[in-house]
Amino acid sequence: MKKTVFVLLGFFLSLNIFSQSFDAVSGAAVSGENETLSGNEKSEKKESIAGTSEIPNSKRPKTPDSAKIADLNNTDPEANEKNAGIIKFGLEDDISELLDTMTKNKDVRFVNEVYDLFQETKSVPIREKALNFFKTIEDPCLEDYAVEILNDPYDEKNSTVNACFSYIQMAKTKEAIPAVATLLESDNEEYFTPALETLGKIGGSREALYLTDYLEREDLTTAQKQSLVRVLGELHAVETYETLAGYAQDSDENAFVRMYAAEAIGVMEKSEALEVLLDLFEDENPNLRQYVIKGISHFNSKEANDVLIQGLKDSHYKVRQEAISVIKEKKLTDADEYLIYRAKNDPVQAVKNDSIAALAKLDTQKGNEYLLSQITEKKVPDAQKSRVAKVLLEEGRGVSEIIALSKETVKDDKRKQLRYALGKEMAKYENPAFSDVALDFLNSKDNSTIGTGLDIWAKGRYSNCNEAVNALADKADLNAKTKNQLAIKATKLLGRDLDKQTEEKDREREEKENAKKPKSGIGDAK
């Protein structure tokens, strides 16, 4: 009897019926003969990947970059003591506001303090803001918490669950896949979209094949189908090419499904996809043409580049913008003359602005000549000069021309708005060439100009400005009838003790008052 069983078992094994094994906990397919199966065979053997996720080991935050710390200390030196105190002793509202500010500025000076706060707080809003903070600075130190929540989210606020989904996407936590798939399969519709998007960020081919099953479900809403196709594109799974190419070419299909499918097959970079996309670019739907451009961005052939150039002349501004974005990313220098034309003549201001930014990135002779002319020619409006200066400074070019323009605005109060805009951009970069402009700003009689000058100086701590900054800081007095906010700002940037300085000024005031009082004595009486 046993012999017969073993013979039959061997026979079935030879037919490859038991060619796959699945992990008992996660439901994940163990690598084996499935790796060599064709797409159709794989689609017949897909299994659920849902289950309970293994929680990652806990870990402390990453050590912050020392250069980033130094830069933050330069521009906001008083924060160290103040913010550490708020995190440890502050009220919930104060901590919440601080976490928002730290997140906005990517302030990494207090990562360990925020981590410890997260571990001890009972406040749901504070935990969510801390999650968002670590997501923003791309630190995976809270992976264990996020996975634990996704394993059992049903008693948690939706905002907390969504924050965990978002965090897992940033951290690319593959351990979370079973829990995420479980939530995707649950009856809770609120989890469907974030779970799907999370699989798109952290999954691979196996997850793509798993998701392809959902496209066959009759209970899918149009919005869910759109999301599925978009996420399949993010997974870059060539195994799903035939399905997605079919959607892209089906004129009866939902427009958004076709759009996302067109982008998705381009991401796969299959040669046959390019032919499909070239045909689809002739479609009358501008939204589809826009997404065809997204798909074509993944090809470097002449045919693909020709479509990008055609996109610059498309009748719909969204297609033109998409073409400009791709040309900028690919640094397609042959497009510079087309971009110059768009920058000069496009009826949509946003397209003009995008063309200017793309020209700065391309760094061609013709493009640079045009951009610099926008800085130097008198007839160009100041708003245009400001836009061009911004993109040039981002690329580290046109510095001398922008400095000369800034000096012109310091002398002309009718051009204050341009002065402020140029100063704001220069304050983003440490460049010794900005030192004279910073001093000019500091010597201005306009308070906003002086404040901008402080910002430029704070970024580079230029020595030629030290005397002016110290002279301004000397005026700081917390007990003055009218507080000089610029002086207070200068004092803080210099790292001075503002309270001590105020005490000294109080003593000076007291001494002056005493000196004014008449002296009394015995010899005064007659």
Protein backbone atom coordinates (compact mmCIF):
# COMPACT_ATOMS: atom_id res chain seq x y z
CA MET A 1 0.00 0.00 0.00
CA LYS A 2 2.77 2.45 1.00
CA LYS A 3 4.68 1.54 -2.15
CA THR A 4 1.64 2.38 -4.29
CA VAL A 5 1.26 5.73 -2.58
CA PHE A 6 4.88 6.64 -3.22
CA VAL A 7 4.63 5.61 -6.87
CA LEU A 8 1.57 7.77 -7.36
CA LEU A 9 3.22 10.66 -5.55
CA GLY A 10 6.26 10.42 -7.79
CA PHE A 11 3.99 10.36 -10.83
CA PHE A 12 2.20 13.55 -9.76
CA LEU A 13 5.48 15.27 -8.98
CA SER A 14 6.75 14.42 -12.43
CA LEU A 15 3.74 16.25 -13.85
CA ASN A 16 4.86 19.32 -11.89
CA ILE A 17 1.54 19.56 -10.04
CA PHE A 18 3.40 20.29 -6.82
CA SER A 19 5.86 22.70 -8.45
CA GLN A 20 5.17 25.46 -5.96
CA SER A 21 5.28 25.60 -2.20
CA PHE A 22 3.91 28.40 -0.10
CA ASP A 23 5.04 29.74 3.22
CA ALA A 24 2.52 28.76 5.89
CA VAL A 25 2.61 32.15 7.64
CA SER A 26 2.77 34.74 4.89
CA GLY A 27 1.26 32.82 2.00
CA ALA A 28 4.20 33.99 -0.12
CA ALA A 29 5.41 31.77 -2.94
CA VAL A 30 8.78 30.16 -2.27
CA SER A 31 11.22 30.59 -5.15
CA GLY A 32 11.31 27.56 -7.36
CA GLU A 33 10.10 26.41 -10.73
CA ASN A 34 7.55 29.26 -10.80
CA GLU A 35 10.38 31.61 -11.77
CA THR A 36 10.55 30.01 -15.23
CA LEU A 37 6.83 29.94 -15.96
CA SER A 38 5.37 32.05 -18.73
CA GLY A 39 3.02 34.93 -17.93
CA ASN A 40 -0.09 32.87 -18.77
CA GLU A 41 1.03 29.93 -16.66
CA LYS A 42 1.82 32.25 -13.78
CA SER A 43 -1.60 33.84 -13.97
CA GLU A 44 -3.14 30.39 -13.50
CA LYS A 45 -1.09 29.69 -10.38
CA LYS A 46 -1.38 33.00 -8.47
CA GLU A 47 -2.19 32.64 -4.78
CA SER A 48 -3.09 35.16 -2.11
CA ILE A 49 -0.14 36.90 -0.52
CA ALA A 50 -2.22 38.06 2.42
CA GLY A 51 -1.31 37.15 5.98
CA THR A 52 0.19 38.52 9.17
CA SER A 53 3.41 40.48 8.70
CA GLU A 54 6.54 39.85 10.70
CA ILE A 55 7.30 43.00 12.65
CA PRO A 56 10.77 44.47 11.88
CA ASN A 57 13.25 44.92 14.71
CA SER A 58 13.07 48.27 16.49
CA LYS A 59 15.83 50.77 15.75
CA ARG A 60 16.91 54.28 16.66
CA PRO A 61 16.88 57.16 14.16
CA LYS A 62 19.76 57.54 11.73
CA THR A 63 22.61 59.86 12.71
CA PRO A 64 21.88 63.22 11.04
CA ASP A 65 24.26 64.68 8.47
CA SER A 66 26.70 67.03 10.20
CA ALA A 67 26.63 69.54 7.34
CA LYS A 68 22.84 69.75 7.59
CA ILE A 69 23.12 70.30 11.35
CA ALA A 70 25.65 73.09 10.84
CA ASP A 71 23.45 74.79 8.27
CA LEU A 72 20.42 74.65 10.57
CA ASN A 73 22.48 76.04 13.46
CA ASN A 74 23.61 78.90 11.24
CA THR A 75 20.15 79.97 10.17
CA ASP A 76 18.31 79.14 13.42
CA PRO A 77 20.86 79.04 16.28
CA GLU A 78 18.47 79.64 19.16
CA ALA A 79 16.37 76.58 18.39
CA ASN A 80 18.57 74.04 20.17
CA GLU A 81 17.68 74.88 23.74
CA LYS A 82 14.18 76.18 23.02
CA ASN A 83 12.99 73.26 20.87
CA ALA A 84 14.51 70.59 23.09
CA GLY A 85 12.55 72.09 25.97
CA ILE A 86 9.28 72.12 24.04
CA ILE A 87 9.67 68.48 22.99
CA LYS A 88 10.35 67.38 26.56
CA PHE A 89 8.10 69.67 28.59
CA GLY A 90 5.72 71.42 26.17
CA LEU A 91 1.96 71.27 25.89
CA GLU A 92 0.43 69.18 23.12
CA ASP A 93 -0.40 72.24 20.99
CA ASP A 94 3.14 73.59 21.33
CA ILE A 95 4.69 70.23 20.43
CA SER A 96 2.31 69.84 17.51
CA GLU A 97 3.22 73.25 16.10
CA LEU A 98 6.93 72.52 16.56
CA LEU A 99 6.68 69.17 14.77
CA ASP A 100 4.96 70.90 11.85
CA THR A 101 7.80 73.43 11.66
CA MET A 102 10.48 70.75 11.95
CA THR A 103 8.81 68.73 9.22
CA LYS A 104 8.56 71.74 6.91
CA ASN A 105 12.24 72.64 7.44
CA LYS A 106 13.45 69.02 7.60
CA ASP A 107 15.06 69.95 10.91
CA VAL A 108 17.05 66.84 11.91
CA ARG A 109 18.63 68.25 15.08
CA PHE A 110 16.16 66.56 17.41
CA VAL A 111 15.52 63.17 15.83
CA ASN A 112 16.32 61.24 18.98
CA GLU A 113 14.17 63.51 21.13
CA VAL A 114 11.22 63.13 18.74
CA TYR A 115 11.73 59.35 18.67
CA ASP A 116 11.68 59.16 22.49
CA LEU A 117 8.61 61.41 22.56
CA PHE A 118 6.87 59.06 20.13
CA GLN A 119 7.56 56.07 22.35
CA GLU A 120 6.16 57.68 25.50
CA THR A 121 3.29 59.88 24.29
CA LYS A 122 -0.34 58.87 24.58
CA SER A 123 -1.43 61.57 22.16
CA VAL A 124 -2.65 60.22 18.82
CA PRO A 125 -2.11 63.54 16.96
CA ILE A 126 1.48 63.77 18.24
CA ARG A 127 2.21 60.20 17.13
CA GLU A 128 0.81 60.95 13.68
CA LYS A 129 2.87 64.13 13.35
CA ALA A 130 5.99 62.28 14.47
CA LEU A 131 5.31 59.62 11.84
CA ASN A 132 4.97 62.33 9.23
CA PHE A 133 8.19 63.96 10.43
CA PHE A 134 10.23 60.76 10.09
CA LYS A 135 8.56 60.05 6.75
CA THR A 136 9.58 63.49 5.48
CA ILE A 137 13.22 63.09 6.52
CA GLU A 138 13.13 59.50 5.17
CA ASP A 139 14.11 57.76 8.38
CA PRO A 140 12.73 54.18 8.76
CA CYS A 141 13.06 54.10 12.56
CA LEU A 142 9.31 53.60 13.10
CA GLU A 143 8.82 50.67 10.73
CA ASP A 144 8.03 48.32 13.60
CA TYR A 145 5.19 50.54 14.82
CA ALA A 146 3.72 51.03 11.34
CA VAL A 147 3.73 47.30 10.54
CA GLU A 148 2.23 46.46 13.91
CA ILE A 149 -0.65 48.89 13.27
CA LEU A 150 -1.29 47.48 9.78
CA ASN A 151 -1.43 43.96 11.21
CA ASP A 152 -4.39 45.01 13.36
CA PRO A 153 -5.73 48.47 12.42
CA TYR A 154 -9.37 48.04 13.29
CA ASP A 155 -9.33 49.86 16.62
CA GLU A 156 -7.17 52.71 15.31
CA LYS A 157 -8.24 56.04 13.82
CA ASN A 158 -8.27 56.07 10.03
CA SER A 159 -5.82 58.98 10.09
CA THR A 160 -3.33 56.82 12.01
CA VAL A 161 -3.74 53.88 9.64
CA ASN A 162 -3.28 56.14 6.63
CA ALA A 163 -0.18 57.66 8.22
CA CYS A 164 1.22 54.13 8.62
CA PHE A 165 0.44 53.27 4.98
CA SER A 166 2.23 56.44 3.87
CA TYR A 167 5.21 55.73 6.13
CA ILE A 168 5.57 52.17 4.86
CA GLN A 169 5.57 53.48 1.29
CA MET A 170 8.47 55.80 2.11
CA ALA A 171 10.44 53.14 3.96
CA LYS A 172 9.81 50.48 1.26
CA THR A 173 9.08 47.99 4.06
CA LYS A 174 8.57 44.68 2.27
CA GLU A 175 7.81 42.91 5.54
CA ALA A 176 4.49 44.77 5.49
CA ILE A 177 3.27 43.10 2.28
CA PRO A 178 1.18 40.31 3.92
CA ALA A 179 -0.60 42.79 6.21
CA VAL A 180 -1.21 45.24 3.37
CA ALA A 181 -2.62 42.50 1.13
CA THR A 182 -4.92 41.40 3.96
CA LEU A 183 -6.33 44.91 4.20
CA LEU A 184 -6.74 45.05 0.43
CA GLU A 185 -8.83 41.88 0.56
CA SER A 186 -10.89 43.05 3.53
CA ASP A 187 -14.40 44.38 3.20
CA ASN A 188 -13.32 47.79 4.49
CA GLU A 189 -13.37 50.03 1.40
CA GLU A 190 -11.46 52.74 3.22
CA TYR A 191 -8.38 50.50 3.19
CA PHE A 192 -8.59 49.56 -0.49
CA THR A 193 -6.90 52.56 -2.11
CA PRO A 194 -4.11 53.14 0.46
CA ALA A 195 -3.37 49.39 0.58
CA LEU A 196 -3.25 49.23 -3.19
CA GLU A 197 -0.98 52.28 -3.43
CA THR A 198 1.30 50.80 -0.79
CA LEU A 199 1.69 47.56 -2.73
CA GLY A 200 2.56 49.68 -5.75
CA LYS A 201 5.41 51.30 -3.82
CA ILE A 202 6.85 48.27 -2.03
CA GLY A 203 5.89 45.29 -4.21
CA GLY A 204 7.38 43.59 -7.26
CA SER A 205 6.45 41.10 -9.97
CA ARG A 206 4.77 38.69 -7.56
CA GLU A 207 2.52 41.45 -6.21
CA ALA A 208 1.77 42.64 -9.76
CA LEU A 209 0.53 39.19 -10.77
CA TYR A 210 -1.49 39.03 -7.58
CA LEU A 211 -3.11 42.38 -8.37
CA THR A 212 -3.87 41.36 -11.94
CA ASP A 213 -6.49 38.97 -10.52
CA TYR A 214 -8.43 41.97 -9.24
CA LEU A 215 -8.93 43.28 -12.77
CA GLU A 216 -11.13 40.25 -13.44
CA ARG A 217 -13.46 40.97 -10.54
CA GLU A 218 -16.95 42.05 -11.53
CA ASP A 219 -17.51 44.05 -8.34
CA LEU A 220 -14.73 46.55 -9.10
CA THR A 221 -15.77 50.17 -9.30
CA THR A 222 -14.38 52.29 -12.13
CA ALA A 223 -12.25 54.22 -9.65
CA GLN A 224 -10.81 50.98 -8.25
CA LYS A 225 -10.00 49.72 -11.73
CA GLN A 226 -8.25 52.98 -12.52
CA SER A 227 -6.20 52.69 -9.34
CA LEU A 228 -5.29 49.08 -10.08
CA VAL A 229 -4.00 49.88 -13.56
CA ARG A 230 -2.02 52.85 -12.26
CA VAL A 231 -0.42 50.78 -9.50
CA LEU A 232 0.40 47.94 -11.90
CA GLY A 233 2.35 50.49 -13.88
CA GLU A 234 4.27 51.56 -10.79
CA LEU A 235 5.27 47.93 -10.20
CA HIS A 236 7.00 47.80 -13.62
CA ALA A 237 5.95 44.17 -14.06
CA VAL A 238 6.43 43.06 -17.67
CA GLU A 239 4.32 39.99 -16.90
CA THR A 240 1.26 42.24 -17.06
CA TYR A 241 2.18 43.85 -20.41
CA GLU A 242 -0.42 42.12 -22.60
CA THR A 243 -3.24 43.00 -20.23
CA LEU A 244 -2.26 46.65 -19.93
CA ALA A 245 -1.50 47.10 -23.61
CA GLY A 246 -4.98 45.80 -24.35
CA TYR A 247 -6.52 48.38 -22.02
CA ALA A 248 -4.48 51.20 -23.55
CA GLN A 249 -5.66 50.36 -27.08
CA ASP A 250 -9.30 49.72 -26.22
CA SER A 251 -11.20 52.84 -27.32
CA ASP A 252 -14.27 51.65 -25.42
CA GLU A 253 -12.36 51.46 -22.14
CA ASN A 254 -12.57 54.15 -19.44
CA ALA A 255 -10.34 57.10 -20.39
CA PHE A 256 -8.35 57.07 -17.15
CA VAL A 257 -7.76 53.34 -17.37
CA ARG A 258 -6.36 53.86 -20.88
CA MET A 259 -4.19 56.74 -19.67
CA TYR A 260 -2.63 54.82 -16.80
CA ALA A 261 -2.18 51.75 -18.99
CA ALA A 262 -0.34 53.80 -21.63
CA GLU A 263 2.08 55.11 -19.04
CA ALA A 264 2.50 51.65 -17.52
CA ILE A 265 3.52 49.87 -20.74
CA GLY A 266 6.06 52.61 -21.38
CA VAL A 267 7.64 52.00 -17.99
CA MET A 268 8.19 48.37 -19.00
CA GLU A 269 10.45 49.56 -21.89
CA LYS A 270 9.43 46.75 -24.21
CA SER A 271 10.15 47.56 -27.88
CA GLU A 272 6.60 46.65 -28.91
CA ALA A 273 5.27 49.17 -26.37
CA LEU A 274 6.86 52.03 -28.27
CA GLU A 275 4.93 51.13 -31.42
CA VAL A 276 1.68 51.09 -29.46
CA LEU A 277 2.45 54.47 -27.90
CA LEU A 278 3.36 56.06 -31.23
CA ASP A 279 -0.06 55.06 -32.56
CA LEU A 280 -1.85 56.24 -29.43
CA PHE A 281 -0.31 59.71 -29.69
CA GLU A 282 -2.66 60.33 -32.60
CA ASP A 283 -5.70 59.87 -30.34
CA GLU A 284 -8.01 62.88 -30.08
CA ASN A 285 -8.12 62.70 -26.27
CA PRO A 286 -5.47 65.16 -24.96
CA ASN A 287 -5.31 63.44 -21.58
CA LEU A 288 -4.37 60.19 -23.28
CA ARG A 289 -1.73 62.01 -25.33
CA GLN A 290 -0.33 63.44 -22.12
CA TYR A 291 0.06 59.97 -20.64
CA VAL A 292 1.50 58.66 -23.89
CA ILE A 293 4.26 61.25 -23.39
CA LYS A 294 4.81 59.85 -19.88
CA GLY A 295 5.15 56.37 -21.37
CA ILE A 296 7.44 57.49 -24.20
CA SER A 297 9.75 59.17 -21.67
CA HIS A 298 11.25 55.74 -21.00
CA PHE A 299 12.57 55.37 -24.57
CA ASN A 300 15.63 57.04 -26.10
CA SER A 301 15.06 56.40 -29.79
CA LYS A 302 14.70 59.05 -32.50
CA GLU A 303 11.05 58.11 -32.89
CA ALA A 304 10.43 58.74 -29.20
CA ASN A 305 12.27 62.09 -29.25
CA ASP A 306 10.33 63.18 -32.33
CA VAL A 307 7.09 62.64 -30.42
CA LEU A 308 8.41 64.81 -27.57
CA ILE A 309 9.11 67.61 -30.03
CA GLN A 310 5.62 67.19 -31.46
CA GLY A 311 4.31 67.38 -27.93
CA LEU A 312 5.75 70.90 -27.62
CA LYS A 313 3.43 71.95 -30.46
CA ASP A 314 0.34 70.14 -29.21
CA SER A 315 -2.88 72.15 -29.05
CA HIS A 316 -3.49 71.23 -25.41
CA TYR A 317 -1.31 72.87 -22.76
CA LYS A 318 -1.13 69.75 -20.57
CA VAL A 319 0.52 67.82 -23.39
CA ARG A 320 3.00 70.67 -23.93
CA GLN A 321 3.79 70.77 -20.21
CA GLU A 322 4.34 67.02 -20.09
CA ALA A 323 6.64 67.16 -23.12
CA ILE A 324 8.64 69.99 -21.51
CA SER A 325 8.96 67.99 -18.28
CA VAL A 326 10.30 64.93 -20.11
CA ILE A 327 12.67 66.98 -22.29
CA LYS A 328 14.01 68.64 -19.14
CA GLU A 329 14.51 65.30 -17.40
CA LYS A 330 16.16 63.68 -20.43
CA LYS A 331 18.19 66.85 -21.18
CA LEU A 332 17.16 66.73 -24.82
CA THR A 333 19.33 69.63 -25.99
CA ASP A 334 17.97 69.54 -29.55
CA ALA A 335 14.74 70.98 -28.19
CA ASP A 336 16.27 74.29 -27.03
CA GLU A 337 14.96 76.42 -29.92
CA TYR A 338 11.45 75.00 -29.48
CA LEU A 339 11.60 75.83 -25.77
CA ILE A 340 12.78 79.37 -26.47
CA TYR A 341 9.80 79.82 -28.77
CA ARG A 342 7.43 78.47 -26.11
CA ALA A 343 9.00 80.73 -23.47
CA LYS A 344 8.41 83.75 -25.69
CA ASN A 345 5.07 82.96 -27.30
CA ASP A 346 3.04 80.32 -25.48
CA PRO A 347 -0.47 81.54 -24.58
CA VAL A 348 -0.29 79.81 -21.19
CA GLN A 349 1.97 81.40 -18.57
CA ALA A 350 2.61 78.07 -16.83
CA VAL A 351 4.01 76.65 -20.07
CA LYS A 352 6.27 79.70 -20.44
CA ASN A 353 7.54 79.19 -16.89
CA ASP A 354 8.17 75.49 -17.47
CA SER A 355 10.07 76.30 -20.67
CA ILE A 356 12.32 78.71 -18.79
CA ALA A 357 13.12 76.07 -16.15
CA ALA A 358 13.84 73.47 -18.82
CA LEU A 359 16.19 75.81 -20.69
CA ALA A 360 18.16 76.40 -17.50
CA LYS A 361 18.52 72.65 -17.03
CA LEU A 362 19.54 71.99 -20.66
CA ASP A 363 22.45 74.48 -20.42
CA THR A 364 22.82 75.06 -24.17
CA GLN A 365 24.45 78.11 -25.72
CA LYS A 366 21.25 79.39 -27.31
CA GLY A 367 19.24 78.70 -24.19
CA ASN A 368 21.71 80.46 -21.91
CA GLU A 369 21.90 83.48 -24.21
CA TYR A 370 18.13 83.81 -24.08
CA LEU A 371 17.94 83.44 -20.30
CA LEU A 372 20.71 85.94 -19.61
CA SER A 373 19.05 88.41 -21.95
CA GLN A 374 16.00 88.26 -19.70
CA ILE A 375 18.18 89.41 -16.80
CA THR A 376 20.14 92.13 -18.59
CA GLU A 377 17.68 93.70 -21.04
CA LYS A 378 15.84 96.71 -19.65
CA LYS A 379 12.56 96.07 -21.46
CA VAL A 380 11.97 92.68 -19.78
CA PRO A 381 9.36 92.94 -16.96
CA ASP A 382 10.65 92.46 -13.42
CA ALA A 383 8.36 89.46 -12.85
CA GLN A 384 10.07 87.68 -15.74
CA LYS A 385 13.50 88.66 -14.44
CA SER A 386 12.62 87.15 -11.08
CA ARG A 387 11.49 83.85 -12.63
CA VAL A 388 14.61 83.55 -14.74
CA ALA A 389 16.94 84.46 -11.86
CA LYS A 390 15.41 81.71 -9.74
CA VAL A 391 16.05 78.92 -12.25
CA LEU A 392 19.52 80.21 -13.12
CA LEU A 393 20.58 80.27 -9.47
CA GLU A 394 19.27 76.73 -9.05
CA GLU A 395 21.75 75.71 -11.75
CA GLY A 396 24.56 77.91 -10.41
CA ARG A 397 24.69 80.15 -13.48
CA GLY A 398 24.16 83.83 -14.24
CA VAL A 399 25.47 84.84 -10.80
CA SER A 400 27.31 87.99 -11.90
CA GLU A 401 24.36 89.21 -13.95
CA ILE A 402 21.94 88.58 -11.08
CA ILE A 403 24.22 90.37 -8.61
CA ALA A 404 24.38 93.41 -10.91
CA LEU A 405 20.59 93.39 -11.20
CA SER A 406 20.25 93.16 -7.40
CA LYS A 407 22.49 96.18 -6.92
CA GLU A 408 20.30 98.11 -9.35
CA THR A 409 17.18 97.33 -7.34
CA VAL A 410 18.79 98.46 -4.06
CA LYS A 411 19.06 101.95 -5.54
CA ASP A 412 15.51 101.98 -6.88
CA ASP A 413 12.66 101.70 -4.38
CA LYS A 414 10.19 101.33 -7.24
CA ARG A 415 11.66 97.84 -7.78
CA LYS A 416 11.37 96.61 -4.20
CA GLN A 417 9.41 93.50 -5.15
CA LEU A 418 12.17 92.36 -7.50
CA ARG A 419 14.74 93.22 -4.84
CA TYR A 420 12.98 91.06 -2.27
CA ALA A 421 12.56 88.19 -4.76
CA LEU A 422 16.23 88.20 -5.77
CA GLY A 423 17.35 88.41 -2.15
CA LYS A 424 15.10 85.51 -1.16
CA GLU A 425 16.68 83.34 -3.85
CA MET A 426 20.26 84.33 -2.95
CA ALA A 427 19.55 83.50 0.69
CA LYS A 428 19.15 79.85 -0.34
CA TYR A 429 22.78 79.45 -1.37
CA GLU A 430 26.14 79.97 0.27
CA ASN A 431 28.21 81.90 -2.25
CA PRO A 432 30.97 84.42 -1.38
CA ALA A 433 29.95 86.40 -4.45
CA PHE A 434 26.76 87.37 -2.59
CA SER A 435 28.64 89.09 0.24
CA ASP A 436 28.54 92.60 -1.29
CA VAL A 437 24.84 92.30 -2.07
CA ALA A 438 24.20 91.18 1.51
CA LEU A 439 26.00 94.29 2.80
CA ASP A 440 24.05 96.54 0.44
CA PHE A 441 20.81 95.06 1.76
CA LEU A 442 21.92 95.47 5.37
CA ASN A 443 22.76 99.14 4.79
CA SER A 444 19.32 99.85 3.33
CA LYS A 445 16.76 102.00 5.14
CA ASP A 446 13.95 99.59 4.20
CA ASN A 447 13.21 97.07 6.94
CA SER A 448 12.22 94.23 4.60
CA THR A 449 15.44 94.71 2.65
CA ILE A 450 17.49 94.61 5.86
CA GLY A 451 15.71 91.42 6.93
CA THR A 452 16.50 89.79 3.59
CA GLY A 453 20.11 90.93 3.96
CA LEU A 454 20.26 89.14 7.31
CA ASP A 455 19.02 85.97 5.62
CA ILE A 456 21.68 86.20 2.89
CA TRP A 457 24.38 86.80 5.51
CA ALA A 458 23.13 83.97 7.76
CA LYS A 459 23.55 81.44 4.95
CA GLY A 460 27.21 82.27 4.31
CA ARG A 461 28.31 84.30 7.38
CA TYR A 462 30.22 86.69 5.14
CA SER A 463 32.88 88.56 7.14
CA ASN A 464 32.38 91.90 5.35
CA CYS A 465 28.89 92.05 6.89
CA ASN A 466 29.87 91.27 10.49
CA GLU A 467 30.21 94.90 11.57
CA ALA A 468 26.79 95.81 10.17
CA VAL A 469 25.12 92.76 11.75
CA ASN A 470 26.72 93.42 15.14
CA ALA A 471 25.74 97.09 15.00
CA LEU A 472 22.16 96.06 14.30
CA ALA A 473 22.20 93.49 17.09
CA ASP A 474 23.41 96.11 19.56
CA LYS A 475 20.02 97.79 19.24
CA ALA A 476 18.11 94.72 20.47
CA ASP A 477 16.13 95.45 23.63
CA LEU A 478 13.18 93.38 24.79
CA ASN A 479 11.99 96.13 27.15
CA ALA A 480 12.13 98.98 24.66
CA LYS A 481 8.86 100.84 24.03
CA THR A 482 9.09 99.83 20.39
CA LYS A 483 10.90 96.54 19.89
CA ASN A 484 13.34 96.45 16.97
CA GLN A 485 12.49 93.03 15.53
CA LEU A 486 15.36 93.15 13.05
CA ALA A 487 17.81 93.81 15.87
CA ILE A 488 16.35 90.93 17.84
CA LYS A 489 16.69 88.68 14.78
CA ALA A 490 20.34 89.74 14.35
CA THR A 491 21.01 89.04 18.03
CA LYS A 492 19.57 85.55 17.76
CA LEU A 493 21.53 84.81 14.57
CA LEU A 494 24.74 85.87 16.33
CA GLY A 495 23.91 83.61 19.25
CA ARG A 496 23.96 86.41 21.80
CA ASP A 497 22.14 86.20 25.15
CA LEU A 498 19.20 88.50 24.45
CA ASP A 499 17.99 88.51 28.05
CA LYS A 500 21.42 89.52 29.33
CA GLN A 501 21.67 92.28 26.73
CA THR A 502 18.25 93.57 27.77
CA GLU A 503 19.33 93.62 31.42
CA GLU A 504 22.37 95.71 30.49
CA LYS A 505 20.15 98.20 28.64
CA ASP A 506 17.84 98.35 31.68
CA ARG A 507 20.83 99.32 33.84
CA GLU A 508 21.85 101.95 31.31
CA ARG A 509 18.35 103.42 31.37
CA GLU A 510 18.34 103.43 35.16
CA GLU A 511 21.71 105.18 35.29
CA LYS A 512 20.50 107.87 32.86
CA GLU A 513 17.36 108.44 34.92
CA ASN A 514 19.37 108.75 38.11
CA ALA A 515 21.73 111.19 36.43
CA LYS A 516 18.79 113.46 35.54
CA LYS A 517 17.49 113.63 39.13
CA PRO A 518 18.56 116.76 41.14
CA LYS A 519 21.05 116.06 43.86
CA SER A 520 19.79 116.83 47.38
CA GLY A 521 21.93 117.63 50.47
CA ILE A 522 22.29 119.74 53.64
CA GLY A 523 24.19 122.44 51.81
CA ASP A 524 21.26 123.10 49.52
CA ALA A 525 18.97 124.54 52.22
CA LYS A 526 19.10 128.28 52.98
